[in-house]
PDB file of N, CA and C in Angstrom:
ATOM      1  N   MET A   1       1.072  -1.183   0.000  1.00  0.00           N
ATOM      2  CA  MET A   1       0.040   0.008  -0.013  1.00  0.00           C
ATOM      3  C   MET A   1       0.897   1.255  -0.015  1.00  0.00           C
ATOM      4  N   THR A   2       0.565   2.225  -0.711  1.00  0.00           N
ATOM      5  CA  THR A   2       1.292   3.462  -0.877  1.00  0.00           C
ATOM      6  C   THR A   2       0.667   4.433   0.159  1.00  0.00           C
ATOM      7  N   PRO A   3       1.542   5.357   0.676  1.00  0.00           N
ATOM      8  CA  PRO A   3       0.803   6.429   1.532  1.00  0.00           C
ATOM      9  C   PRO A   3       0.069   7.335   0.660  1.00  0.00           C
ATOM     10  N   PRO A   4      -0.653   8.222   1.456  1.00  0.00           N
ATOM     11  CA  PRO A   4      -1.588   9.162   0.821  1.00  0.00           C
ATOM     12  C   PRO A   4      -0.607  10.125  -0.100  1.00  0.00           C
ATOM     13  N   ALA A   5      -1.282  11.243  -0.475  1.00  0.00           N
ATOM     14  CA  ALA A   5      -0.586  12.249  -1.131  1.00  0.00           C
ATOM     15  C   ALA A   5       0.631  12.648  -0.621  1.00  0.00           C
ATOM     16  N   ALA A   6       1.875  13.027  -1.247  1.00  0.00           N
ATOM     17  CA  ALA A   6       3.024  13.265  -0.894  1.00  0.00           C
ATOM     18  C   ALA A   6       3.121  14.640   0.012  1.00  0.00           C
ATOM     19  N   PRO A   7       3.873  14.691   1.057  1.00  0.00           N
ATOM     20  CA  PRO A   7       4.048  15.993   1.976  1.00  0.00           C
ATOM     21  C   PRO A   7       4.238  17.215   0.865  1.00  0.00           C
ATOM     22  N   PHE A   8       3.487  18.278   1.323  1.00  0.00           N
ATOM     23  CA  PHE A   8       3.818  19.630   0.804  1.00  0.00           C
ATOM     24  C   PHE A   8       4.652  20.506   1.286  1.00  0.00           C
ATOM     25  N   MET A   9       5.208  20.065   2.521  1.00  0.00           N
ATOM     26  CA  MET A   9       6.313  20.849   3.290  1.00  0.00           C
ATOM     27  C   MET A   9       7.257  19.812   4.107  1.00  0.00           C
ATOM     28  N   ALA A  10       8.577  20.236   4.467  1.00  0.00           N
ATOM     29  CA  ALA A  10       9.365  19.388   5.219  1.00  0.00           C
ATOM     30  C   ALA A  10       9.856  20.258   6.285  1.00  0.00           C
ATOM     31  N   ILE A  11       9.748  19.613   7.524  1.00  0.00           N
ATOM     32  CA  ILE A  11      10.237  20.515   8.635  1.00  0.00           C
ATOM     33  C   ILE A  11      11.094  19.825   9.546  1.00  0.00           C
ATOM     34  N   THR A  12      12.382  20.333   9.618  1.00  0.00           N
ATOM     35  CA  THR A  12      13.348  19.564  10.681  1.00  0.00           C
ATOM     36  C   THR A  12      13.408  20.175  11.947  1.00  0.00           C
ATOM     37  N   PHE A  13      13.059  19.532  13.023  1.00  0.00           N
ATOM     38  CA  PHE A  13      12.895  20.310  14.285  1.00  0.00           C
ATOM     39  C   PHE A  13      14.228  20.029  15.064  1.00  0.00           C
ATOM     40  N   LEU A  14      14.602  21.311  15.669  1.00  0.00           N
ATOM     41  CA  LEU A  14      15.916  21.246  16.520  1.00  0.00           C
ATOM     42  C   LEU A  14      15.326  22.018  17.927  1.00  0.00           C
ATOM     43  N   TYR A  15      16.020  21.492  18.915  1.00  0.00           N
ATOM     44  CA  TYR A  15      15.682  21.793  20.172  1.00  0.00           C
ATOM     45  C   TYR A  15      16.561  22.613  20.801  1.00  0.00           C
ATOM     46  N   TYR A  16      15.942  23.662  21.691  1.00  0.00           N
ATOM     47  CA  TYR A  16      16.843  24.706  22.297  1.00  0.00           C
ATOM     48  C   TYR A  16      16.401  24.942  23.810  1.00  0.00           C
ATOM     49  N   ARG A  17      17.298  25.381  24.567  1.00  0.00           N
ATOM     50  CA  ARG A  17      17.071  25.710  25.895  1.00  0.00           C
ATOM     51  C   ARG A  17      16.827  27.289  25.937  1.00  0.00           C
ATOM     52  N   ASP A  18      17.366  28.028  24.928  1.00  0.00           N
ATOM     53  CA  ASP A  18      17.140  29.512  24.752  1.00  0.00           C
ATOM     54  C   ASP A  18      16.471  30.072  23.523  1.00  0.00           C
ATOM     55  N   LEU A  19      15.204  29.777  23.335  1.00  0.00           N
ATOM     56  CA  LEU A  19      14.442  29.591  21.980  1.00  0.00           C
ATOM     57  C   LEU A  19      14.546  30.985  21.599  1.00  0.00           C
ATOM     58  N   ASN A  20      14.504  32.281  22.410  1.00  0.00           N
ATOM     59  CA  ASN A  20      14.605  33.615  21.785  1.00  0.00           C
ATOM     60  C   ASN A  20      15.943  33.882  21.200  1.00  0.00           C
ATOM     61  N   ARG A  21      16.939  33.151  21.745  1.00  0.00           N
ATOM     62  CA  ARG A  21      18.255  33.340  21.288  1.00  0.00           C
ATOM     63  C   ARG A  21      18.303  32.695  19.828  1.00  0.00           C
ATOM     64  N   ALA A  22      17.917  31.663  19.747  1.00  0.00           N
ATOM     65  CA  ALA A  22      17.909  30.765  18.545  1.00  0.00           C
ATOM     66  C   ALA A  22      17.113  31.631  17.371  1.00  0.00           C
ATOM     67  N   GLU A  23      15.950  31.812  17.844  1.00  0.00           N
ATOM     68  CA  GLU A  23      14.870  32.561  16.753  1.00  0.00           C
ATOM     69  C   GLU A  23      15.719  33.883  16.341  1.00  0.00           C
ATOM     70  N   THR A  24      16.317  34.581  17.199  1.00  0.00           N
ATOM     71  CA  THR A  24      17.067  35.787  16.695  1.00  0.00           C
ATOM     72  C   THR A  24      18.113  35.650  15.899  1.00  0.00           C
ATOM     73  N   PHE A  25      18.810  34.448  16.016  1.00  0.00           N
ATOM     74  CA  PHE A  25      20.066  33.776  15.060  1.00  0.00           C
ATOM     75  C   PHE A  25      19.645  33.752  13.771  1.00  0.00           C
ATOM     76  N   TYR A  26      18.490  32.782  13.821  1.00  0.00           N
ATOM     77  CA  TYR A  26      17.855  32.217  12.308  1.00  0.00           C
ATOM     78  C   TYR A  26      17.299  33.403  11.622  1.00  0.00           C
ATOM     79  N   ARG A  27      16.636  34.341  12.377  1.00  0.00           N
ATOM     80  CA  ARG A  27      15.932  35.407  11.830  1.00  0.00           C
ATOM     81  C   ARG A  27      16.896  36.548  11.218  1.00  0.00           C
ATOM     82  N   ASP A  28      17.605  36.959  12.302  1.00  0.00           N
ATOM     83  CA  ASP A  28      18.405  38.382  12.107  1.00  0.00           C
ATOM     84  C   ASP A  28      19.712  38.072  11.651  1.00  0.00           C
ATOM     85  N   VAL A  29      20.434  36.937  11.931  1.00  0.00           N
ATOM     86  CA  VAL A  29      21.771  36.794  11.312  1.00  0.00           C
ATOM     87  C   VAL A  29      21.722  36.151  10.088  1.00  0.00           C
ATOM     88  N   LEU A  30      20.841  34.777   9.972  1.00  0.00           N
ATOM     89  CA  LEU A  30      20.925  33.984   8.861  1.00  0.00           C
ATOM     90  C   LEU A  30      19.729  34.769   7.894  1.00  0.00           C
ATOM     91  N   GLY A  31      18.820  35.636   8.355  1.00  0.00           N
ATOM     92  CA  GLY A  31      18.092  36.175   7.325  1.00  0.00           C
ATOM     93  C   GLY A  31      16.679  35.238   6.861  1.00  0.00           C
ATOM     94  N   LEU A  32      16.541  34.163   7.653  1.00  0.00           N
ATOM     95  CA  LEU A  32      15.339  33.228   7.260  1.00  0.00           C
ATOM     96  C   LEU A  32      13.945  33.858   7.644  1.00  0.00           C
ATOM     97  N   PRO A  33      13.154  33.709   6.723  1.00  0.00           N
ATOM     98  CA  PRO A  33      11.848  34.273   7.140  1.00  0.00           C
ATOM     99  C   PRO A  33      11.176  33.215   7.930  1.00  0.00           C
ATOM    100  N   LEU A  34      10.398  33.814   9.181  1.00  0.00           N
ATOM    101  CA  LEU A  34       9.628  33.131  10.110  1.00  0.00           C
ATOM    102  C   LEU A  34       8.282  32.737   9.259  1.00  0.00           C
ATOM    103  N   MET A  35       7.769  31.545   9.014  1.00  0.00           N
ATOM    104  CA  MET A  35       6.850  31.006   8.304  1.00  0.00           C
ATOM    105  C   MET A  35       5.540  30.778   9.325  1.00  0.00           C
ATOM    106  N   ILE A  36       5.942  30.051  10.358  1.00  0.00           N
ATOM    107  CA  ILE A  36       4.835  29.706  11.453  1.00  0.00           C
ATOM    108  C   ILE A  36       5.368  30.077  12.743  1.00  0.00           C
ATOM    109  N   ASP A  37       4.645  30.653  13.540  1.00  0.00           N
ATOM    110  CA  ASP A  37       4.822  30.759  15.056  1.00  0.00           C
ATOM    111  C   ASP A  37       3.840  30.161  15.905  1.00  0.00           C
ATOM    112  N   GLN A  38       4.512  29.016  16.423  1.00  0.00           N
ATOM    113  CA  GLN A  38       3.430  28.235  17.364  1.00  0.00           C
ATOM    114  C   GLN A  38       3.931  28.578  18.777  1.00  0.00           C
ATOM    115  N   GLY A  39       4.460  29.794  18.863  1.00  0.00           N
ATOM    116  CA  GLY A  39       4.892  30.106  20.300  1.00  0.00           C
ATOM    117  C   GLY A  39       5.961  29.345  20.850  1.00  0.00           C
ATOM    118  N   PHE A  40       5.849  28.038  21.237  1.00  0.00           N
ATOM    119  CA  PHE A  40       7.049  27.265  21.674  1.00  0.00           C
ATOM    120  C   PHE A  40       7.939  26.651  20.447  1.00  0.00           C
ATOM    121  N   ALA A  41       7.325  26.992  19.380  1.00  0.00           N
ATOM    122  CA  ALA A  41       8.231  26.394  18.201  1.00  0.00           C
ATOM    123  C   ALA A  41       7.916  27.477  17.039  1.00  0.00           C
ATOM    124  N   LYS A  42       9.228  27.810  16.260  1.00  0.00           N
ATOM    125  CA  LYS A  42       9.284  28.825  15.378  1.00  0.00           C
ATOM    126  C   LYS A  42       9.825  28.166  14.336  1.00  0.00           C
ATOM    127  N   ILE A  43       9.066  28.268  13.191  1.00  0.00           N
ATOM    128  CA  ILE A  43       9.305  27.466  11.775  1.00  0.00           C
ATOM    129  C   ILE A  43       9.886  28.576  10.794  1.00  0.00           C
ATOM    130  N   PHE A  44      11.004  28.164  10.344  1.00  0.00           N
ATOM    131  CA  PHE A  44      11.629  29.130   9.350  1.00  0.00           C
ATOM    132  C   PHE A  44      11.849  28.507   7.913  1.00  0.00           C
ATOM    133  N   ARG A  45      11.487  29.218   6.830  1.00  0.00           N
ATOM    134  CA  ARG A  45      11.699  28.632   5.629  1.00  0.00           C
ATOM    135  C   ARG A  45      13.155  28.709   5.228  1.00  0.00           C
ATOM    136  N   LEU A  46      13.664  27.386   4.716  1.00  0.00           N
ATOM    137  CA  LEU A  46      15.304  27.435   4.292  1.00  0.00           C
ATOM    138  C   LEU A  46      15.170  27.402   2.741  1.00  0.00           C
ATOM    139  N   ALA A  47      14.230  27.039   2.126  1.00  0.00           N
ATOM    140  CA  ALA A  47      14.130  26.895   0.646  1.00  0.00           C
ATOM    141  C   ALA A  47      12.973  26.257   0.196  1.00  0.00           C
ATOM    142  N   ASP A  48      12.394  26.914  -0.804  1.00  0.00           N
ATOM    143  CA  ASP A  48      11.068  26.283  -1.407  1.00  0.00           C
ATOM    144  C   ASP A  48      10.239  25.606  -0.155  1.00  0.00           C
ATOM    145  N   ASP A  49      10.202  24.241  -0.150  1.00  0.00           N
ATOM    146  CA  ASP A  49       9.287  23.928   0.934  1.00  0.00           C
ATOM    147  C   ASP A  49      10.101  23.015   1.952  1.00  0.00           C
ATOM    148  N   ALA A  50      11.192  23.525   2.077  1.00  0.00           N
ATOM    149  CA  ALA A  50      12.105  23.127   3.144  1.00  0.00           C
ATOM    150  C   ALA A  50      12.105  24.022   4.458  1.00  0.00           C
ATOM    151  N   HIS A  51      12.046  23.391   5.541  1.00  0.00           N
ATOM    152  CA  HIS A  51      11.836  24.355   6.825  1.00  0.00           C
ATOM    153  C   HIS A  51      12.574  23.939   7.900  1.00  0.00           C
ATOM    154  N   VAL A  52      13.080  24.624   8.887  1.00  0.00           N
ATOM    155  CA  VAL A  52      13.758  24.207  10.102  1.00  0.00           C
ATOM    156  C   VAL A  52      12.835  24.748  11.274  1.00  0.00           C
ATOM    157  N   GLY A  53      12.630  24.015  12.313  1.00  0.00           N
ATOM    158  CA  GLY A  53      11.717  24.393  13.383  1.00  0.00           C
ATOM    159  C   GLY A  53      12.444  24.406  14.369  1.00  0.00           C
ATOM    160  N   LEU A  54      12.385  25.510  15.270  1.00  0.00           N
ATOM    161  CA  LEU A  54      13.169  25.813  16.656  1.00  0.00           C
ATOM    162  C   LEU A  54      12.294  25.412  17.600  1.00  0.00           C
ATOM    163  N   VAL A  55      12.474  24.653  18.522  1.00  0.00           N
ATOM    164  CA  VAL A  55      11.389  24.405  19.561  1.00  0.00           C
ATOM    165  C   VAL A  55      12.053  24.612  20.924  1.00  0.00           C
ATOM    166  N   ASP A  56      11.334  25.099  21.817  1.00  0.00           N
ATOM    167  CA  ASP A  56      11.556  25.330  23.150  1.00  0.00           C
ATOM    168  C   ASP A  56      11.527  23.925  23.811  1.00  0.00           C
ATOM    169  N   GLU A  57      12.800  23.401  24.223  1.00  0.00           N
ATOM    170  CA  GLU A  57      12.901  22.099  24.757  1.00  0.00           C
ATOM    171  C   GLU A  57      12.171  21.627  25.917  1.00  0.00           C
ATOM    172  N   ALA A  58      11.632  22.728  26.765  1.00  0.00           N
ATOM    173  CA  ALA A  58      10.860  22.540  27.964  1.00  0.00           C
ATOM    174  C   ALA A  58       9.387  22.170  27.504  1.00  0.00           C
ATOM    175  N   LYS A  59       9.007  22.486  26.327  1.00  0.00           N
ATOM    176  CA  LYS A  59       7.679  22.278  25.801  1.00  0.00           C
ATOM    177  C   LYS A  59       7.301  21.312  24.598  1.00  0.00           C
ATOM    178  N   GLY A  60       8.525  21.187  23.907  1.00  0.00           N
ATOM    179  CA  GLY A  60       8.443  20.279  22.942  1.00  0.00           C
ATOM    180  C   GLY A  60       8.363  18.618  23.208  1.00  0.00           C
ATOM    181  N   MET A  61       8.519  17.838  22.151  1.00  0.00           N
ATOM    182  CA  MET A  61       8.391  16.484  22.308  1.00  0.00           C
ATOM    183  C   MET A  61       9.676  15.659  22.601  1.00  0.00           C
ATOM    184  N   ASN A  62      10.813  16.417  22.349  1.00  0.00           N
ATOM    185  CA  ASN A  62      12.126  15.978  22.694  1.00  0.00           C
ATOM    186  C   ASN A  62      12.854  16.847  23.549  1.00  0.00           C
ATOM    187  N   ASN A  63      13.904  16.434  23.941  1.00  0.00           N
ATOM    188  CA  ASN A  63      14.847  17.186  24.754  1.00  0.00           C
ATOM    189  C   ASN A  63      16.037  17.830  24.225  1.00  0.00           C
ATOM    190  N   TRP A  64      16.418  18.805  24.552  1.00  0.00           N
ATOM    191  CA  TRP A  64      17.922  19.392  24.270  1.00  0.00           C
ATOM    192  C   TRP A  64      18.749  18.477  24.646  1.00  0.00           C
ATOM    193  N   GLN A  65      20.002  18.237  23.862  1.00  0.00           N
ATOM    194  CA  GLN A  65      21.026  17.244  24.051  1.00  0.00           C
ATOM    195  C   GLN A  65      22.327  18.159  23.748  1.00  0.00           C
ATOM    196  N   GLU A  66      23.317  17.921  24.765  1.00  0.00           N
ATOM    197  CA  GLU A  66      24.322  18.714  24.575  1.00  0.00           C
ATOM    198  C   GLU A  66      25.226  18.161  23.396  1.00  0.00           C
ATOM    199  N   ASP A  67      25.291  16.794  23.178  1.00  0.00           N
ATOM    200  CA  ASP A  67      26.092  16.411  21.826  1.00  0.00           C
ATOM    201  C   ASP A  67      25.014  16.280  20.789  1.00  0.00           C
ATOM    202  N   LYS A  68      25.328  17.197  19.732  1.00  0.00           N
ATOM    203  CA  LYS A  68      24.387  17.211  18.569  1.00  0.00           C
ATOM    204  C   LYS A  68      24.739  16.463  17.640  1.00  0.00           C
ATOM    205  N   CYS A  69      23.994  15.653  16.998  1.00  0.00           N
ATOM    206  CA  CYS A  69      24.101  14.677  16.058  1.00  0.00           C
ATOM    207  C   CYS A  69      23.412  15.077  14.725  1.00  0.00           C
ATOM    208  N   VAL A  70      22.997  16.138  14.743  1.00  0.00           N
ATOM    209  CA  VAL A  70      22.351  16.800  13.518  1.00  0.00           C
ATOM    210  C   VAL A  70      23.100  17.904  13.062  1.00  0.00           C
ATOM    211  N   GLN A  71      23.042  17.876  11.595  1.00  0.00           N
ATOM    212  CA  GLN A  71      23.807  19.000  10.845  1.00  0.00           C
ATOM    213  C   GLN A  71      22.740  19.478   9.894  1.00  0.00           C
ATOM    214  N   LEU A  72      22.634  20.688   9.997  1.00  0.00           N
ATOM    215  CA  LEU A  72      21.665  21.533   9.119  1.00  0.00           C
ATOM    216  C   LEU A  72      22.667  21.922   7.769  1.00  0.00           C
ATOM    217  N   CYS A  73      22.191  21.661   6.411  1.00  0.00           N
ATOM    218  CA  CYS A  73      22.893  21.860   5.320  1.00  0.00           C
ATOM    219  C   CYS A  73      22.222  22.867   4.456  1.00  0.00           C
ATOM    220  N   LEU A  74      22.773  23.823   4.008  1.00  0.00           N
ATOM    221  CA  LEU A  74      22.268  24.813   3.113  1.00  0.00           C
ATOM    222  C   LEU A  74      23.021  24.901   1.802  1.00  0.00           C
ATOM    223  N   ARG A  75      22.401  24.387   0.680  1.00  0.00           N
ATOM    224  CA  ARG A  75      22.981  24.377  -0.643  1.00  0.00           C
ATOM    225  C   ARG A  75      22.777  25.726  -1.344  1.00  0.00           C
ATOM    226  N   VAL A  76      24.133  26.323  -1.682  1.00  0.00           N
ATOM    227  CA  VAL A  76      23.750  27.796  -2.127  1.00  0.00           C
ATOM    228  C   VAL A  76      24.619  27.789  -3.583  1.00  0.00           C
ATOM    229  N   GLU A  77      24.354  28.798  -4.272  1.00  0.00           N
ATOM    230  CA  GLU A  77      25.015  29.117  -5.697  1.00  0.00           C
ATOM    231  C   GLU A  77      26.383  29.457  -5.320  1.00  0.00           C
ATOM    232  N   ASP A  78      26.716  30.197  -4.489  1.00  0.00           N
ATOM    233  CA  ASP A  78      28.181  30.966  -4.288  1.00  0.00           C
ATOM    234  C   ASP A  78      28.556  30.820  -2.957  1.00  0.00           C
ATOM    235  N   VAL A  79      29.140  29.665  -2.655  1.00  0.00           N
ATOM    236  CA  VAL A  79      29.781  29.196  -1.184  1.00  0.00           C
ATOM    237  C   VAL A  79      30.977  30.311  -0.708  1.00  0.00           C
ATOM    238  N   ASP A  80      31.478  30.683  -1.755  1.00  0.00           N
ATOM    239  CA  ASP A  80      32.670  31.848  -1.312  1.00  0.00           C
ATOM    240  C   ASP A  80      32.007  33.219  -0.886  1.00  0.00           C
ATOM    241  N   ALA A  81      30.886  33.553  -1.363  1.00  0.00           N
ATOM    242  CA  ALA A  81      30.111  34.832  -0.924  1.00  0.00           C
ATOM    243  C   ALA A  81      29.733  34.446   0.301  1.00  0.00           C
ATOM    244  N   TRP A  82      29.247  33.321   0.618  1.00  0.00           N
ATOM    245  CA  TRP A  82      28.467  32.865   1.921  1.00  0.00           C
ATOM    246  C   TRP A  82      29.782  32.883   3.048  1.00  0.00           C
ATOM    247  N   HIS A  83      30.758  32.393   2.647  1.00  0.00           N
ATOM    248  CA  HIS A  83      31.864  32.261   3.573  1.00  0.00           C
ATOM    249  C   HIS A  83      32.438  33.539   4.044  1.00  0.00           C
ATOM    250  N   ASP A  84      32.396  34.564   2.952  1.00  0.00           N
ATOM    251  CA  ASP A  84      32.916  35.972   3.125  1.00  0.00           C
ATOM    252  C   ASP A  84      31.905  36.514   4.083  1.00  0.00           C
ATOM    253  N   TRP A  85      30.647  36.349   4.028  1.00  0.00           N
ATOM    254  CA  TRP A  85      29.746  36.898   4.845  1.00  0.00           C
ATOM    255  C   TRP A  85      29.910  36.233   6.232  1.00  0.00           C
ATOM    256  N   ALA A  86      29.989  34.925   6.425  1.00  0.00           N
ATOM    257  CA  ALA A  86      30.053  34.325   7.765  1.00  0.00           C
ATOM    258  C   ALA A  86      31.367  34.851   8.405  1.00  0.00           C
ATOM    259  N   ARG A  87      32.450  35.122   7.676  1.00  0.00           N
ATOM    260  CA  ARG A  87      33.582  35.491   8.379  1.00  0.00           C
ATOM    261  C   ARG A  87      33.344  37.078   8.966  1.00  0.00           C
ATOM    262  N   LEU A  88      32.519  37.942   8.333  1.00  0.00           N
ATOM    263  CA  LEU A  88      32.434  39.287   8.613  1.00  0.00           C
ATOM    264  C   LEU A  88      31.499  39.320   9.763  1.00  0.00           C
ATOM    265  N   GLU A  89      30.551  38.201   9.910  1.00  0.00           N
ATOM    266  CA  GLU A  89      29.667  38.114  10.945  1.00  0.00           C
ATOM    267  C   GLU A  89      30.211  37.334  12.181  1.00  0.00           C
ATOM    268  N   GLY A  90      31.502  36.840  12.125  1.00  0.00           N
ATOM    269  CA  GLY A  90      32.048  36.154  13.331  1.00  0.00           C
ATOM    270  C   GLY A  90      31.346  35.124  13.772  1.00  0.00           C
ATOM    271  N   LEU A  91      30.852  34.216  12.941  1.00  0.00           N
ATOM    272  CA  LEU A  91      30.088  33.113  13.331  1.00  0.00           C
ATOM    273  C   LEU A  91      30.900  32.160  14.139  1.00  0.00           C
ATOM    274  N   SER A  92      30.457  31.526  15.187  1.00  0.00           N
ATOM    275  CA  SER A  92      30.974  30.469  15.999  1.00  0.00           C
ATOM    276  C   SER A  92      31.569  29.291  15.237  1.00  0.00           C
ATOM    277  N   ASP A  93      32.741  29.015  15.686  1.00  0.00           N
ATOM    278  CA  ASP A  93      33.462  27.739  15.095  1.00  0.00           C
ATOM    279  C   ASP A  93      33.590  27.774  13.425  1.00  0.00           C
ATOM    280  N   LEU A  94      33.720  28.873  12.750  1.00  0.00           N
ATOM    281  CA  LEU A  94      33.677  29.007  11.457  1.00  0.00           C
ATOM    282  C   LEU A  94      34.886  28.249  10.864  1.00  0.00           C
ATOM    283  N   SER A  95      34.755  27.293   9.996  1.00  0.00           N
ATOM    284  CA  SER A  95      35.766  26.602   9.223  1.00  0.00           C
ATOM    285  C   SER A  95      36.307  27.330   8.246  1.00  0.00           C
ATOM    286  N   ARG A  96      37.484  26.825   7.780  1.00  0.00           N
ATOM    287  CA  ARG A  96      38.045  27.226   6.323  1.00  0.00           C
ATOM    288  C   ARG A  96      37.265  26.596   5.163  1.00  0.00           C
ATOM    289  N   LEU A  97      37.094  27.210   4.044  1.00  0.00           N
ATOM    290  CA  LEU A  97      36.456  26.591   2.869  1.00  0.00           C
ATOM    291  C   LEU A  97      37.065  25.272   2.683  1.00  0.00           C
ATOM    292  N   PHE A  98      36.402  24.146   2.568  1.00  0.00           N
ATOM    293  CA  PHE A  98      37.023  22.825   2.060  1.00  0.00           C
ATOM    294  C   PHE A  98      36.424  22.303   0.845  1.00  0.00           C
ATOM    295  N   VAL A  99      37.078  21.303   0.126  1.00  0.00           N
ATOM    296  CA  VAL A  99      36.609  20.695  -1.008  1.00  0.00           C
ATOM    297  C   VAL A  99      36.479  19.154  -0.594  1.00  0.00           C
ATOM    298  N   ASN A 100      35.468  18.456  -1.049  1.00  0.00           N
ATOM    299  CA  ASN A 100      35.191  16.999  -0.863  1.00  0.00           C
ATOM    300  C   ASN A 100      35.034  16.510  -2.222  1.00  0.00           C
ATOM    301  N   ASP A 101      36.068  16.078  -2.928  1.00  0.00           N
ATOM    302  CA  ASP A 101      35.921  15.634  -4.210  1.00  0.00           C
ATOM    303  C   ASP A 101      35.095  14.429  -4.422  1.00  0.00           C
ATOM    304  N   THR A 102      35.021  13.499  -3.279  1.00  0.00           N
ATOM    305  CA  THR A 102      34.325  12.256  -3.436  1.00  0.00           C
ATOM    306  C   THR A 102      32.709  12.493  -3.751  1.00  0.00           C
ATOM    307  N   ILE A 103      32.159  13.669  -3.037  1.00  0.00           N
ATOM    308  CA  ILE A 103      30.886  13.989  -3.096  1.00  0.00           C
ATOM    309  C   ILE A 103      30.641  15.239  -3.979  1.00  0.00           C
ATOM    310  N   GLY A 104      31.711  15.788  -4.533  1.00  0.00           N
ATOM    311  CA  GLY A 104      31.488  17.167  -5.215  1.00  0.00           C
ATOM    312  C   GLY A 104      30.980  18.215  -4.680  1.00  0.00           C
ATOM    313  N   ILE A 105      31.513  18.561  -3.626  1.00  0.00           N
ATOM    314  CA  ILE A 105      31.134  19.908  -3.072  1.00  0.00           C
ATOM    315  C   ILE A 105      32.353  20.719  -2.423  1.00  0.00           C
ATOM    316  N   ARG A 106      32.147  21.965  -2.286  1.00  0.00           N
ATOM    317  CA  ARG A 106      32.993  23.036  -1.622  1.00  0.00           C
ATOM    318  C   ARG A 106      32.120  23.607  -0.616  1.00  0.00           C
ATOM    319  N   ALA A 107      32.850  23.635   0.659  1.00  0.00           N
ATOM    320  CA  ALA A 107      31.813  23.886   1.766  1.00  0.00           C
ATOM    321  C   ALA A 107      32.618  24.545   2.912  1.00  0.00           C
ATOM    322  N   PHE A 108      31.814  24.963   3.750  1.00  0.00           N
ATOM    323  CA  PHE A 108      32.421  25.309   5.393  1.00  0.00           C
ATOM    324  C   PHE A 108      31.343  25.007   6.098  1.00  0.00           C
ATOM    325  N   VAL A 109      31.705  25.094   7.534  1.00  0.00           N
ATOM    326  CA  VAL A 109      30.680  24.907   8.365  1.00  0.00           C
ATOM    327  C   VAL A 109      30.892  25.967   9.742  1.00  0.00           C
ATOM    328  N   PHE A 110      29.902  26.022  10.547  1.00  0.00           N
ATOM    329  CA  PHE A 110      29.893  27.027  11.600  1.00  0.00           C
ATOM    330  C   PHE A 110      28.740  26.397  12.592  1.00  0.00           C
ATOM    331  N   ARG A 111      28.743  26.898  13.863  1.00  0.00           N
ATOM    332  CA  ARG A 111      27.827  26.454  14.847  1.00  0.00           C
ATOM    333  C   ARG A 111      26.697  27.531  15.096  1.00  0.00           C
ATOM    334  N   ASP A 112      25.555  27.179  15.278  1.00  0.00           N
ATOM    335  CA  ASP A 112      24.452  28.271  15.745  1.00  0.00           C
ATOM    336  C   ASP A 112      24.552  28.356  17.421  1.00  0.00           C
ATOM    337  N   PRO A 113      23.865  29.276  17.879  1.00  0.00           N
ATOM    338  CA  PRO A 113      24.195  29.766  19.251  1.00  0.00           C
ATOM    339  C   PRO A 113      24.106  28.354  20.289  1.00  0.00           C
ATOM    340  N   GLU A 114      23.483  27.157  19.930  1.00  0.00           N
ATOM    341  CA  GLU A 114      23.456  26.287  20.905  1.00  0.00           C
ATOM    342  C   GLU A 114      24.216  25.011  20.255  1.00  0.00           C
ATOM    343  N   GLY A 115      25.076  25.061  19.350  1.00  0.00           N
ATOM    344  CA  GLY A 115      25.845  24.087  18.935  1.00  0.00           C
ATOM    345  C   GLY A 115      25.624  23.298  17.781  1.00  0.00           C
ATOM    346  N   TYR A 116      24.588  23.565  17.277  1.00  0.00           N
ATOM    347  CA  TYR A 116      24.112  22.606  15.968  1.00  0.00           C
ATOM    348  C   TYR A 116      25.040  23.104  14.796  1.00  0.00           C
ATOM    349  N   GLN A 117      25.473  22.273  14.240  1.00  0.00           N
ATOM    350  CA  GLN A 117      26.575  22.515  13.101  1.00  0.00           C
ATOM    351  C   GLN A 117      25.758  22.792  11.751  1.00  0.00           C
ATOM    352  N   ILE A 118      26.004  23.926  11.086  1.00  0.00           N
ATOM    353  CA  ILE A 118      25.358  24.174   9.855  1.00  0.00           C
ATOM    354  C   ILE A 118      26.380  24.314   8.798  1.00  0.00           C
ATOM    355  N   GLU A 119      26.218  23.358   7.743  1.00  0.00           N
ATOM    356  CA  GLU A 119      27.050  23.478   6.598  1.00  0.00           C
ATOM    357  C   GLU A 119      26.492  24.305   5.625  1.00  0.00           C
ATOM    358  N   VAL A 120      27.441  24.823   5.032  1.00  0.00           N
ATOM    359  CA  VAL A 120      26.949  25.676   3.532  1.00  0.00           C
ATOM    360  C   VAL A 120      27.902  25.177   2.524  1.00  0.00           C
ATOM    361  N   GLN A 121      27.240  24.693   1.296  1.00  0.00           N
ATOM    362  CA  GLN A 121      27.857  24.054   0.315  1.00  0.00           C
ATOM    363  C   GLN A 121      27.365  24.543  -0.948  1.00  0.00           C
ATOM    364  N   SER A 122      28.317  24.453  -2.014  1.00  0.00           N
ATOM    365  CA  SER A 122      28.117  24.681  -3.527  1.00  0.00           C
ATOM    366  C   SER A 122      28.550  23.177  -4.247  1.00  0.00           C
ATOM    367  N   ALA A 123      28.024  22.884  -5.140  1.00  0.00           N
ATOM    368  CA  ALA A 123      28.427  21.636  -5.987  1.00  0.00           C
ATOM    369  C   ALA A 123      29.702  22.155  -6.848  1.00  0.00           C
ATOM    370  N   THR A 124      30.371  21.338  -6.977  1.00  0.00           N
ATOM    371  CA  THR A 124      31.699  21.420  -7.704  1.00  0.00           C
ATOM    372  C   THR A 124      31.885  20.779  -9.217  1.00  0.00           C
ATOM    373  N   ARG A 125      30.618  19.986  -9.280  1.00  0.00           N
ATOM    374  CA  ARG A 125      30.489  19.279 -10.647  1.00  0.00           C
ATOM    375  C   ARG A 125      28.837  19.079 -10.609  1.00  0.00           C
ATOM    376  N   ALA A 126      28.431  18.933 -12.045  1.00  0.00           N
ATOM    377  CA  ALA A 126      27.129  18.654 -12.402  1.00  0.00           C
ATOM    378  C   ALA A 126      26.535  17.298 -11.715  1.00  0.00           C
ATOM    379  N   GLY A 127      25.609  17.463 -11.123  1.00  0.00           N
ATOM    380  CA  GLY A 127      24.904  16.143 -10.721  1.00  0.00           C
ATOM    381  C   GLY A 127      25.475  15.815  -9.033  1.00  0.00           C
ATOM    382  N   ALA A 128      26.136  16.743  -8.673  1.00  0.00           N
ATOM    383  CA  ALA A 128      26.653  16.705  -7.110  1.00  0.00           C
ATOM    384  C   ALA A 128      25.738  17.293  -6.127  1.00  0.00           C
TER     385      ALA A 128
END
């Protein structure tokens, strides 16, 4: 049996101790638009129908974890311009630009206010 109609929106939820600080970072630093405000959860648009939800861990379905096992990845056209911007913003744990020829990307990483790693990448070849 196949599931009903395909989803029209994807949301990845991340859990925070300080939701206001996380919301400020995603809205004011990354410049993402807030699409849905559920009070204890703030849902930001990443691209098309992809979203990230920031959740107050005291009210959400899961708890905040010190060790982060989730990485948020943003695919962009110009990773060099994004890296220049990230450097000027002084983002936490900003890496150098690196190339991974195996998967065909040029990328860098940094951390959000509570330690989630964000990778920004561009493809180095068609189909990557």
